[in-house]
Amino acid sequence: MSTLTGAPAPARPPLDPHRVLPLLSSLQVTLIFTLAAIAVPLPEIGRHFALGRDQLILLSAAYGLTFAGLLLFGGRIADRYGGRRALVGGLWLFAVASAAAPLSPTYDALLAARFAQGAGAAVVAPAAMAVLRALHPEPAAFRRAMATWGGLSVLGATAGNLLSGVISALLSWRWALAVPGLVAVVALALAPRLLPAGSGPPLSNGPRRPGGLDVPGAVLATGGLVAVSHGLVLTDAWSWGSARVLGPLAAGAVLLALFLVVERRAREPLLPPGFLRDRRRGFGLTATALTAAGTSTVFILFSLFLQEERGWSALRTSAAFLPFAAALIVSGRAAGPLVRRCGPGAVTGGGLALGAAGLGLLALSGLDPGIPYAVGLLPGFLLLAAGAAASFAGSAVLATERVPVERTGLAGGVHNTAMETGPTVVFAVLLSLGSDPVSLAAAAGLFAVTAAVTRPASRT
């Protein structure tokens, strides 16, 4: 191709995966770290601002509500304007909100910062996947990359639980909330060098698709997901039959129904009809949501159990998850080669089966204060970590590998939506069962059933 003067146009410099991939991976880990970082220091934050239970619940859920609610729209932004532009724009919002969070003088300011963080994250996550696709345009290479990418989220959640407790104990909860902002500032400083304007394939830079964004669909989808998630979160403090729960659930259901109607008529729908009909993609998203829900349930239940029932400090509670993190890292490194050798369906099913065994062990003895940690918790933690790493690796491939290049951002948005909404929905249902051991046993059953149907269904 030549310019108007007849001179040949300068070639696009190729993106360097060895330099860009660490940046993208760090961002993905940080986005999930931010979700989990508030869990351990939440009681201290509540005492600092004199918060009631309802306020604590909303503060804990605020980031996840906007993150999950805006992910579909964030995915379409990445597809419409290019992964690079969306990534940098989302990073600016995430960085500013992350800087405001630890400096918040009041509860309302902190709550607003957490909502804004989630909005920025909803753009960064699918944009990062769009750039990842640009780095690995060949289907086989992208499959290998997604097998590794799938485990980054649970690693971020584990790091959030570990580091937030350590930092809060040694410094303060404000320093724990400052970590995402520091990472975002570094990423913004590196982005112009690693992702310069005009570099790499078109997916990483500049508008690719004609037409406008589906703003009505985005408003309805975001409002519906936020309302439903908010209603489910409130089941921790209110009964399922209360107006505080039924009101948001009903409003969310109406908004989501309207969203489906609007999408059928939209010229550029936010979620194209038929996108979720692929059976492999459906089972991949189901496994992603369920694995995220199972690990989140364990983090929350045992963080509270160790501090409230056993009287452990936040620092000691964080240390209890160190073996989980170690097993996760080791298993994650093995999961990618296993996906290439055995296929994503087999690895996802095997991971869910291992996770079911871990959850079953935790249900039997993990919540007994009289059983030592090494006997009651450690075996279940190790099995669940190994299973989660395998399940996330395989399900990430199932959920994204048949997606056209121009819809990579959408795929990233849908995949992350499953990861964010899964814990909210499943955890609320599990808590309604009445006791923590029953909740864990039910989660083990869900893992086992999904493992049984994932492998054969994923072959189609």
Protein backbone atom coordinates (compact mmCIF):
# COMPACT_ATOMS: atom_id res chain seq x y z
CA MET A 1 0.00 0.00 0.00
CA SER A 2 1.33 3.50 -0.82
CA THR A 3 0.64 7.03 0.37
CA LEU A 4 -0.85 9.87 -1.76
CA THR A 5 2.68 10.96 -2.74
CA GLY A 6 3.42 7.55 -4.15
CA ALA A 7 5.85 6.58 -1.44
CA PRO A 8 5.23 3.22 0.19
CA ALA A 9 3.43 3.42 3.54
CA PRO A 10 5.56 2.52 6.53
CA ALA A 11 5.03 -1.05 7.66
CA ARG A 12 3.32 -1.59 10.97
CA PRO A 13 5.91 -2.69 13.53
CA PRO A 14 4.91 -6.06 14.92
CA LEU A 15 3.81 -6.36 18.51
CA ASP A 16 6.28 -8.25 20.68
CA PRO A 17 4.42 -10.93 22.68
CA HIS A 18 7.32 -11.34 25.11
CA ARG A 19 7.01 -7.68 26.12
CA VAL A 20 3.25 -7.14 25.83
CA LEU A 21 2.01 -10.38 27.40
CA PRO A 22 3.43 -9.62 30.89
CA LEU A 23 1.63 -6.26 30.81
CA LEU A 24 -1.70 -7.82 29.82
CA SER A 25 -1.34 -10.63 32.36
CA SER A 26 -0.54 -8.19 35.16
CA LEU A 27 -3.62 -6.16 34.32
CA GLN A 28 -5.92 -9.20 34.30
CA VAL A 29 -4.56 -10.34 37.67
CA THR A 30 -4.96 -6.81 39.06
CA LEU A 31 -8.58 -6.49 37.95
CA ILE A 32 -9.52 -9.59 39.93
CA PHE A 33 -7.16 -8.65 42.78
CA THR A 34 -9.19 -5.43 43.13
CA LEU A 35 -12.37 -7.46 43.46
CA ALA A 36 -10.97 -9.59 46.30
CA ALA A 37 -8.71 -7.04 48.00
CA ILE A 38 -11.48 -5.58 50.12
CA ALA A 39 -12.68 -8.88 51.62
CA VAL A 40 -10.16 -9.35 54.46
CA PRO A 41 -9.90 -5.67 55.56
CA LEU A 42 -13.67 -5.11 55.28
CA PRO A 43 -14.29 -5.39 59.05
CA GLU A 44 -11.59 -2.77 59.71
CA ILE A 45 -13.09 -0.45 57.09
CA GLY A 46 -16.48 -0.90 58.72
CA ARG A 47 -15.11 0.13 62.10
CA HIS A 48 -13.30 3.13 60.61
CA PHE A 49 -16.44 4.55 58.99
CA ALA A 50 -18.92 3.13 61.56
CA LEU A 51 -20.81 1.19 58.87
CA GLY A 52 -23.82 -1.04 59.23
CA ARG A 53 -24.14 -4.48 57.64
CA ASP A 54 -26.08 -3.18 54.61
CA GLN A 55 -23.38 -0.60 53.91
CA LEU A 56 -20.63 -3.20 54.19
CA ILE A 57 -22.44 -5.50 51.79
CA LEU A 58 -22.88 -2.73 49.22
CA LEU A 59 -19.26 -1.61 49.58
CA SER A 60 -18.03 -5.16 49.11
CA ALA A 61 -20.19 -5.64 46.00
CA ALA A 62 -19.85 -2.18 44.38
CA TYR A 63 -16.81 -2.94 42.21
CA GLY A 64 -18.22 -6.25 41.01
CA LEU A 65 -21.64 -4.75 40.22
CA THR A 66 -20.36 -2.22 37.67
CA PHE A 67 -17.62 -4.56 36.46
CA ALA A 68 -20.08 -7.32 35.59
CA GLY A 69 -22.84 -4.96 34.45
CA LEU A 70 -20.72 -3.05 31.92
CA LEU A 71 -18.59 -5.88 30.52
CA LEU A 72 -20.74 -6.50 27.45
CA PHE A 73 -20.60 -2.81 26.58
CA GLY A 74 -16.87 -2.76 27.26
CA GLY A 75 -16.42 -5.67 24.88
CA ARG A 76 -18.25 -3.88 22.09
CA ILE A 77 -16.17 -0.74 22.70
CA ALA A 78 -13.03 -2.84 22.20
CA ASP A 79 -14.41 -4.31 18.97
CA ARG A 80 -15.59 -0.92 17.70
CA TYR A 81 -12.56 1.26 18.53
CA GLY A 82 -9.78 -1.32 18.74
CA GLY A 83 -8.18 -3.07 21.68
CA ARG A 84 -5.36 -0.55 22.15
CA ARG A 85 -7.57 2.53 22.37
CA ALA A 86 -10.09 0.82 24.63
CA LEU A 87 -7.31 -0.51 26.87
CA VAL A 88 -5.70 2.90 27.39
CA GLY A 89 -9.04 4.67 27.88
CA GLY A 90 -10.26 2.10 30.40
CA LEU A 91 -6.91 2.24 32.20
CA TRP A 92 -7.22 6.00 32.74
CA LEU A 93 -10.62 5.60 34.40
CA PHE A 94 -9.42 2.64 36.45
CA ALA A 95 -6.25 4.50 37.53
CA VAL A 96 -8.08 7.65 38.65
CA ALA A 97 -10.70 5.67 40.58
CA SER A 98 -8.02 3.44 42.12
CA ALA A 99 -6.12 6.51 43.30
CA ALA A 100 -9.29 7.96 44.83
CA ALA A 101 -10.22 4.78 46.75
CA PRO A 102 -7.41 4.76 49.37
CA LEU A 103 -7.69 8.55 49.78
CA SER A 104 -11.46 8.53 50.37
CA PRO A 105 -12.38 10.64 53.41
CA THR A 106 -15.92 9.23 53.70
CA TYR A 107 -17.85 6.06 53.04
CA ASP A 108 -19.74 7.68 50.14
CA ALA A 109 -16.47 8.70 48.47
CA LEU A 110 -15.05 5.19 48.83
CA LEU A 111 -18.27 3.66 47.47
CA ALA A 112 -18.19 5.98 44.43
CA ALA A 113 -14.54 5.11 43.80
CA ARG A 114 -15.31 1.38 43.87
CA PHE A 115 -18.17 1.83 41.40
CA ALA A 116 -15.86 3.83 39.08
CA GLN A 117 -13.12 1.20 39.38
CA GLY A 118 -15.56 -1.42 38.15
CA ALA A 119 -16.53 0.71 35.17
CA GLY A 120 -12.89 1.11 34.15
CA ALA A 121 -12.24 -2.60 34.65
CA ALA A 122 -15.20 -3.45 32.41
CA VAL A 123 -13.41 -1.77 29.50
CA VAL A 124 -9.87 -2.94 30.32
CA ALA A 125 -10.69 -6.67 30.60
CA PRO A 126 -12.19 -7.27 27.12
CA ALA A 127 -9.74 -4.80 25.54
CA ALA A 128 -6.83 -6.79 26.96
CA MET A 129 -8.25 -9.93 25.37
CA ALA A 130 -8.58 -8.12 22.03
CA VAL A 131 -4.90 -7.19 22.19
CA LEU A 132 -4.09 -10.76 23.23
CA ARG A 133 -5.82 -11.99 20.06
CA ALA A 134 -3.73 -9.52 18.04
CA LEU A 135 -0.60 -11.00 19.58
CA HIS A 136 -1.69 -14.54 18.65
CA PRO A 137 -3.64 -14.36 15.35
CA GLU A 138 -3.21 -18.08 14.60
CA PRO A 139 -5.98 -20.23 16.18
CA ALA A 140 -3.53 -22.72 17.71
CA ALA A 141 -1.42 -19.96 19.24
CA PHE A 142 -4.52 -18.20 20.60
CA ARG A 143 -5.73 -21.46 22.15
CA ARG A 144 -2.41 -21.83 23.97
CA ALA A 145 -2.58 -18.24 25.16
CA MET A 146 -6.16 -18.62 26.44
CA ALA A 147 -5.24 -21.78 28.35
CA THR A 148 -2.79 -19.66 30.33
CA TRP A 149 -5.09 -16.62 30.46
CA GLY A 150 -7.87 -18.62 32.07
CA GLY A 151 -5.90 -19.19 35.26
CA LEU A 152 -4.95 -15.56 35.80
CA SER A 153 -8.29 -14.61 37.33
CA VAL A 154 -8.25 -17.13 40.15
CA LEU A 155 -4.61 -16.19 40.74
CA GLY A 156 -5.71 -12.57 41.10
CA ALA A 157 -8.46 -13.53 43.55
CA THR A 158 -6.01 -15.55 45.62
CA ALA A 159 -3.47 -12.72 45.59
CA GLY A 160 -6.19 -10.32 46.68
CA ASN A 161 -7.03 -12.39 49.72
CA LEU A 162 -3.38 -12.98 50.60
CA LEU A 163 -1.86 -9.56 50.06
CA SER A 164 -4.75 -7.49 51.36
CA GLY A 165 -4.55 -9.24 54.72
CA VAL A 166 -0.78 -8.87 54.92
CA ILE A 167 -0.75 -5.21 53.86
CA SER A 168 -3.66 -4.32 56.15
CA ALA A 169 -1.98 -5.98 59.11
CA LEU A 170 1.44 -4.40 58.50
CA LEU A 171 0.30 -0.98 57.23
CA SER A 172 -3.42 -0.24 56.84
CA TRP A 173 -6.42 -1.04 54.69
CA ARG A 174 -5.76 2.12 52.67
CA TRP A 175 -2.44 0.75 51.46
CA ALA A 176 -4.16 -2.49 50.44
CA LEU A 177 -6.57 -0.50 48.27
CA ALA A 178 -3.67 1.50 46.77
CA VAL A 179 -2.13 -1.51 44.99
CA PRO A 180 -4.42 -1.44 41.90
CA GLY A 181 -3.70 2.25 41.37
CA LEU A 182 0.05 1.66 41.43
CA VAL A 183 -0.24 -1.11 38.83
CA ALA A 184 -2.48 1.06 36.63
CA VAL A 185 -0.01 3.97 36.70
CA VAL A 186 2.86 1.67 35.69
CA ALA A 187 0.72 0.18 32.89
CA LEU A 188 -0.15 3.64 31.56
CA ALA A 189 3.53 4.55 31.55
CA LEU A 190 4.48 1.40 29.64
CA ALA A 191 1.55 1.31 27.17
CA PRO A 192 2.89 3.95 24.72
CA ARG A 193 6.15 2.01 24.38
CA LEU A 194 4.70 -1.52 24.28
CA LEU A 195 1.55 -0.61 22.30
CA PRO A 196 2.52 2.45 20.21
CA ALA A 197 -0.15 3.99 17.99
CA GLY A 198 -0.19 2.29 14.62
CA SER A 199 1.60 -0.81 15.83
CA GLY A 200 0.67 -4.38 15.24
CA PRO A 201 -2.38 -5.69 13.40
CA PRO A 202 -5.45 -3.47 13.02
CA LEU A 203 -7.20 -5.15 15.96
CA SER A 204 -4.82 -3.46 18.36
CA ASN A 205 -5.43 0.06 17.08
CA GLY A 206 -8.12 2.22 15.51
CA PRO A 207 -11.78 1.69 14.64
CA ARG A 208 -12.52 -1.53 12.81
CA ARG A 209 -16.27 -1.78 12.59
CA PRO A 210 -18.74 0.64 11.01
CA GLY A 211 -21.88 1.78 12.78
CA GLY A 212 -22.61 2.99 16.27
CA LEU A 213 -22.67 1.37 19.65
CA ASP A 214 -25.84 -0.21 20.99
CA VAL A 215 -26.37 2.30 23.80
CA PRO A 216 -29.99 1.28 24.61
CA GLY A 217 -28.90 -2.34 24.85
CA ALA A 218 -25.96 -1.35 27.05
CA VAL A 219 -28.20 0.61 29.42
CA LEU A 220 -30.71 -2.24 29.71
CA ALA A 221 -28.08 -4.97 30.10
CA THR A 222 -26.11 -3.01 32.68
CA GLY A 223 -29.18 -1.99 34.63
CA GLY A 224 -30.57 -5.53 34.58
CA LEU A 225 -27.34 -7.24 35.64
CA VAL A 226 -26.65 -4.66 38.37
CA ALA A 227 -30.20 -4.88 39.74
CA VAL A 228 -30.26 -8.69 39.80
CA SER A 229 -26.78 -8.89 41.31
CA HIS A 230 -27.67 -6.28 43.93
CA GLY A 231 -30.80 -8.20 44.90
CA LEU A 232 -28.83 -11.43 45.23
CA VAL A 233 -26.13 -9.74 47.31
CA LEU A 234 -28.80 -8.50 49.75
CA THR A 235 -29.91 -12.07 50.48
CA ASP A 236 -26.95 -12.18 52.87
CA ALA A 237 -28.84 -9.79 55.17
CA TRP A 238 -32.50 -10.14 54.12
CA SER A 239 -34.81 -13.04 53.32
CA TRP A 240 -35.65 -13.98 49.75
CA GLY A 241 -39.25 -12.87 50.30
CA SER A 242 -38.43 -9.37 51.54
CA ALA A 243 -39.15 -6.30 49.43
CA ARG A 244 -35.47 -5.30 49.61
CA VAL A 245 -34.58 -8.47 47.69
CA LEU A 246 -37.62 -8.97 45.48
CA GLY A 247 -37.66 -5.35 44.28
CA PRO A 248 -34.21 -5.37 42.63
CA LEU A 249 -34.70 -8.93 41.35
CA ALA A 250 -38.00 -8.03 39.67
CA ALA A 251 -36.63 -4.79 38.23
CA GLY A 252 -33.58 -6.63 36.91
CA ALA A 253 -35.69 -9.34 35.31
CA VAL A 254 -37.81 -6.73 33.50
CA LEU A 255 -34.76 -4.84 32.25
CA LEU A 256 -33.10 -8.03 30.98
CA ALA A 257 -36.32 -9.06 29.21
CA LEU A 258 -36.45 -5.66 27.51
CA PHE A 259 -32.78 -6.09 26.60
CA LEU A 260 -33.59 -9.30 24.70
CA VAL A 261 -36.37 -7.52 22.81
CA VAL A 262 -34.14 -4.57 21.88
CA GLU A 263 -31.32 -6.85 20.75
CA ARG A 264 -33.53 -8.55 18.20
CA ARG A 265 -34.17 -5.20 16.49
CA ALA A 266 -30.80 -3.50 16.89
CA ARG A 267 -28.62 -2.96 13.80
CA GLU A 268 -25.42 -3.52 15.83
CA PRO A 269 -26.65 -5.55 18.84
CA LEU A 270 -24.60 -5.61 22.00
CA LEU A 271 -25.02 -9.40 22.16
CA PRO A 272 -25.72 -10.77 18.66
CA PRO A 273 -28.47 -13.42 18.51
CA GLY A 274 -27.01 -16.88 18.44
CA PHE A 275 -23.70 -15.91 20.06
CA LEU A 276 -24.45 -18.10 23.08
CA ARG A 277 -25.94 -21.01 21.11
CA ASP A 278 -22.61 -22.70 20.46
CA ARG A 279 -22.60 -25.68 22.84
CA ARG A 280 -18.85 -25.57 23.47
CA ARG A 281 -19.04 -21.89 24.30
CA GLY A 282 -22.04 -22.47 26.54
CA PHE A 283 -20.34 -25.19 28.54
CA GLY A 284 -17.14 -23.15 28.74
CA LEU A 285 -19.02 -20.18 30.17
CA THR A 286 -20.93 -22.44 32.59
CA ALA A 287 -17.69 -24.00 33.85
CA THR A 288 -16.10 -20.56 34.19
CA ALA A 289 -19.01 -19.22 36.23
CA LEU A 290 -19.20 -22.31 38.44
CA THR A 291 -15.44 -22.46 39.10
CA ALA A 292 -15.35 -18.77 39.98
CA ALA A 293 -18.33 -19.28 42.28
CA GLY A 294 -16.77 -22.28 44.03
CA THR A 295 -13.44 -20.60 44.72
CA SER A 296 -15.12 -17.36 45.84
CA THR A 297 -17.39 -19.30 48.19
CA VAL A 298 -14.38 -20.97 49.80
CA PHE A 299 -12.50 -17.69 50.14
CA ILE A 300 -15.43 -15.94 51.81
CA LEU A 301 -16.58 -18.78 54.07
CA PHE A 302 -13.14 -19.68 55.33
CA SER A 303 -11.94 -16.09 55.72
CA LEU A 304 -14.88 -15.54 58.06
CA PHE A 305 -14.58 -18.97 59.72
CA LEU A 306 -10.90 -18.63 60.56
CA GLN A 307 -11.29 -15.13 61.99
CA GLU A 308 -14.65 -15.48 63.73
CA GLU A 309 -14.69 -19.14 64.82
CA ARG A 310 -11.00 -19.83 65.37
CA GLY A 311 -10.02 -16.29 66.35
CA TRP A 312 -7.22 -16.01 63.80
CA SER A 313 -5.80 -12.61 62.85
CA ALA A 314 -6.13 -11.21 59.33
CA LEU A 315 -2.43 -11.92 58.76
CA ARG A 316 -2.70 -15.54 59.86
CA THR A 317 -5.89 -15.98 57.82
CA SER A 318 -4.11 -14.75 54.70
CA ALA A 319 -1.22 -17.13 55.39
CA ALA A 320 -3.69 -20.03 55.50
CA PHE A 321 -4.30 -19.53 51.78
CA LEU A 322 -0.60 -19.68 50.84
CA PRO A 323 -0.72 -23.42 50.01
CA PHE A 324 -3.78 -22.74 47.86
CA ALA A 325 -1.82 -20.11 45.93
CA ALA A 326 1.20 -22.39 45.52
CA ALA A 327 -0.93 -25.28 44.23
CA LEU A 328 -2.70 -22.89 41.90
CA ILE A 329 0.54 -21.64 40.34
CA VAL A 330 1.97 -25.14 39.90
CA SER A 331 -1.27 -26.52 38.46
CA GLY A 332 -1.70 -23.50 36.20
CA ARG A 333 1.68 -24.12 34.59
CA ALA A 334 0.69 -27.71 33.88
CA ALA A 335 -2.81 -26.88 32.63
CA GLY A 336 -1.73 -25.25 29.35
CA PRO A 337 0.20 -28.28 28.05
CA LEU A 338 -2.64 -30.53 29.19
CA VAL A 339 -5.13 -28.53 27.12
CA ARG A 340 -2.93 -28.97 24.04
CA ARG A 341 -2.47 -32.69 24.69
CA CYS A 342 -5.91 -33.77 25.92
CA GLY A 343 -8.24 -31.04 24.64
CA PRO A 344 -10.07 -28.28 26.54
CA GLY A 345 -13.17 -30.36 27.26
CA ALA A 346 -11.26 -33.15 28.99
CA VAL A 347 -9.18 -30.70 31.03
CA THR A 348 -12.26 -28.70 32.06
CA GLY A 349 -14.13 -31.84 33.10
CA GLY A 350 -11.14 -33.22 34.99
CA GLY A 351 -10.63 -29.89 36.76
CA LEU A 352 -14.25 -29.76 37.85
CA ALA A 353 -14.01 -33.32 39.17
CA LEU A 354 -10.92 -32.43 41.22
CA GLY A 355 -12.68 -29.32 42.47
CA ALA A 356 -15.69 -31.39 43.50
CA ALA A 357 -13.42 -33.65 45.55
CA GLY A 358 -11.81 -30.65 47.24
CA LEU A 359 -15.13 -29.04 48.07
CA GLY A 360 -16.41 -32.36 49.38
CA LEU A 361 -13.46 -32.70 51.76
CA LEU A 362 -13.96 -29.13 52.98
CA ALA A 363 -17.65 -29.80 53.57
CA LEU A 364 -16.87 -32.91 55.64
CA SER A 365 -14.20 -31.54 57.97
CA GLY A 366 -13.00 -28.07 57.02
CA LEU A 367 -15.52 -26.20 59.16
CA ASP A 368 -14.95 -28.24 62.31
CA PRO A 369 -13.02 -26.01 64.77
CA GLY A 370 -11.61 -29.08 66.50
CA ILE A 371 -9.84 -30.52 63.43
CA PRO A 372 -6.30 -29.22 62.74
CA TYR A 373 -5.73 -27.06 59.68
CA ALA A 374 -3.37 -29.60 58.09
CA VAL A 375 -6.06 -32.29 58.23
CA GLY A 376 -9.32 -30.38 57.87
CA LEU A 377 -8.48 -27.61 55.39
CA LEU A 378 -5.19 -28.25 53.61
CA PRO A 379 -6.18 -31.33 51.52
CA GLY A 380 -9.36 -29.66 50.32
CA PHE A 381 -7.54 -26.43 49.50
CA LEU A 382 -4.93 -28.26 47.41
CA LEU A 383 -7.46 -30.30 45.45
CA LEU A 384 -9.69 -27.30 44.81
CA ALA A 385 -6.74 -25.17 43.65
CA ALA A 386 -5.55 -27.84 41.24
CA GLY A 387 -9.05 -28.35 39.90
CA ALA A 388 -9.74 -24.62 39.54
CA ALA A 389 -6.53 -24.07 37.57
CA ALA A 390 -7.42 -26.85 35.13
CA SER A 391 -11.06 -25.83 34.83
CA PHE A 392 -10.27 -22.18 34.15
CA ALA A 393 -7.65 -23.09 31.55
CA GLY A 394 -9.94 -25.43 29.62
CA SER A 395 -13.11 -23.37 29.93
CA ALA A 396 -11.36 -20.19 28.70
CA VAL A 397 -10.49 -22.02 25.49
CA LEU A 398 -14.00 -23.46 25.09
CA ALA A 399 -15.56 -20.03 25.58
CA THR A 400 -13.42 -18.14 23.06
CA GLU A 401 -11.77 -20.32 20.40
CA ARG A 402 -14.60 -20.30 17.82
CA VAL A 403 -15.13 -16.53 18.00
CA PRO A 404 -14.44 -14.41 14.88
CA VAL A 405 -11.56 -11.96 15.23
CA GLU A 406 -13.86 -8.93 15.01
CA ARG A 407 -15.81 -10.18 18.03
CA THR A 408 -12.89 -10.91 20.32
CA GLY A 409 -13.80 -8.00 22.60
CA LEU A 410 -17.35 -9.29 22.86
CA ALA A 411 -16.05 -12.76 23.73
CA GLY A 412 -13.85 -11.23 26.40
CA GLY A 413 -16.80 -9.34 27.81
CA VAL A 414 -19.04 -12.41 27.91
CA HIS A 415 -16.29 -14.57 29.42
CA ASN A 416 -15.57 -12.05 32.17
CA THR A 417 -19.30 -11.53 32.76
CA ALA A 418 -19.63 -15.24 33.51
CA MET A 419 -16.65 -15.00 35.85
CA GLU A 420 -18.09 -12.02 37.72
CA THR A 421 -21.78 -12.92 37.90
CA GLY A 422 -21.19 -16.60 38.68
CA PRO A 423 -20.01 -16.00 42.25
CA THR A 424 -22.86 -13.57 42.96
CA VAL A 425 -25.62 -15.87 41.71
CA VAL A 426 -24.29 -19.20 42.94
CA PHE A 427 -23.07 -17.87 46.29
CA ALA A 428 -26.46 -16.34 47.05
CA VAL A 429 -28.19 -19.64 46.26
CA LEU A 430 -25.69 -21.66 48.30
CA LEU A 431 -26.05 -19.39 51.34
CA SER A 432 -29.82 -19.86 51.27
CA LEU A 433 -29.35 -23.60 51.95
CA GLY A 434 -28.95 -22.91 55.65
CA SER A 435 -25.45 -23.98 56.73
CA ASP A 436 -21.91 -23.67 55.44
CA PRO A 437 -21.22 -27.45 55.22
CA VAL A 438 -24.41 -27.94 53.21
CA SER A 439 -23.44 -25.04 50.93
CA LEU A 440 -20.04 -26.58 50.27
CA ALA A 441 -21.55 -30.02 49.66
CA ALA A 442 -24.03 -28.51 47.19
CA ALA A 443 -21.19 -26.75 45.39
CA ALA A 444 -19.33 -30.07 45.17
CA GLY A 445 -22.42 -31.65 43.63
CA LEU A 446 -22.71 -28.88 41.03
CA PHE A 447 -19.04 -29.33 40.12
CA ALA A 448 -19.48 -33.09 39.75
CA VAL A 449 -22.60 -32.84 37.57
CA THR A 450 -21.04 -30.21 35.30
CA ALA A 451 -17.87 -32.31 35.00
CA ALA A 452 -19.95 -35.26 33.85
CA VAL A 453 -21.63 -33.35 31.00
CA THR A 454 -18.86 -30.94 29.93
CA ARG A 455 -16.50 -33.34 28.19
CA PRO A 456 -18.94 -35.06 25.81
CA ALA A 457 -20.78 -31.80 25.06
CA SER A 458 -17.54 -29.95 24.32
CA ARG A 459 -16.70 -32.29 21.43
CA THR A 460 -19.46 -30.90 19.22
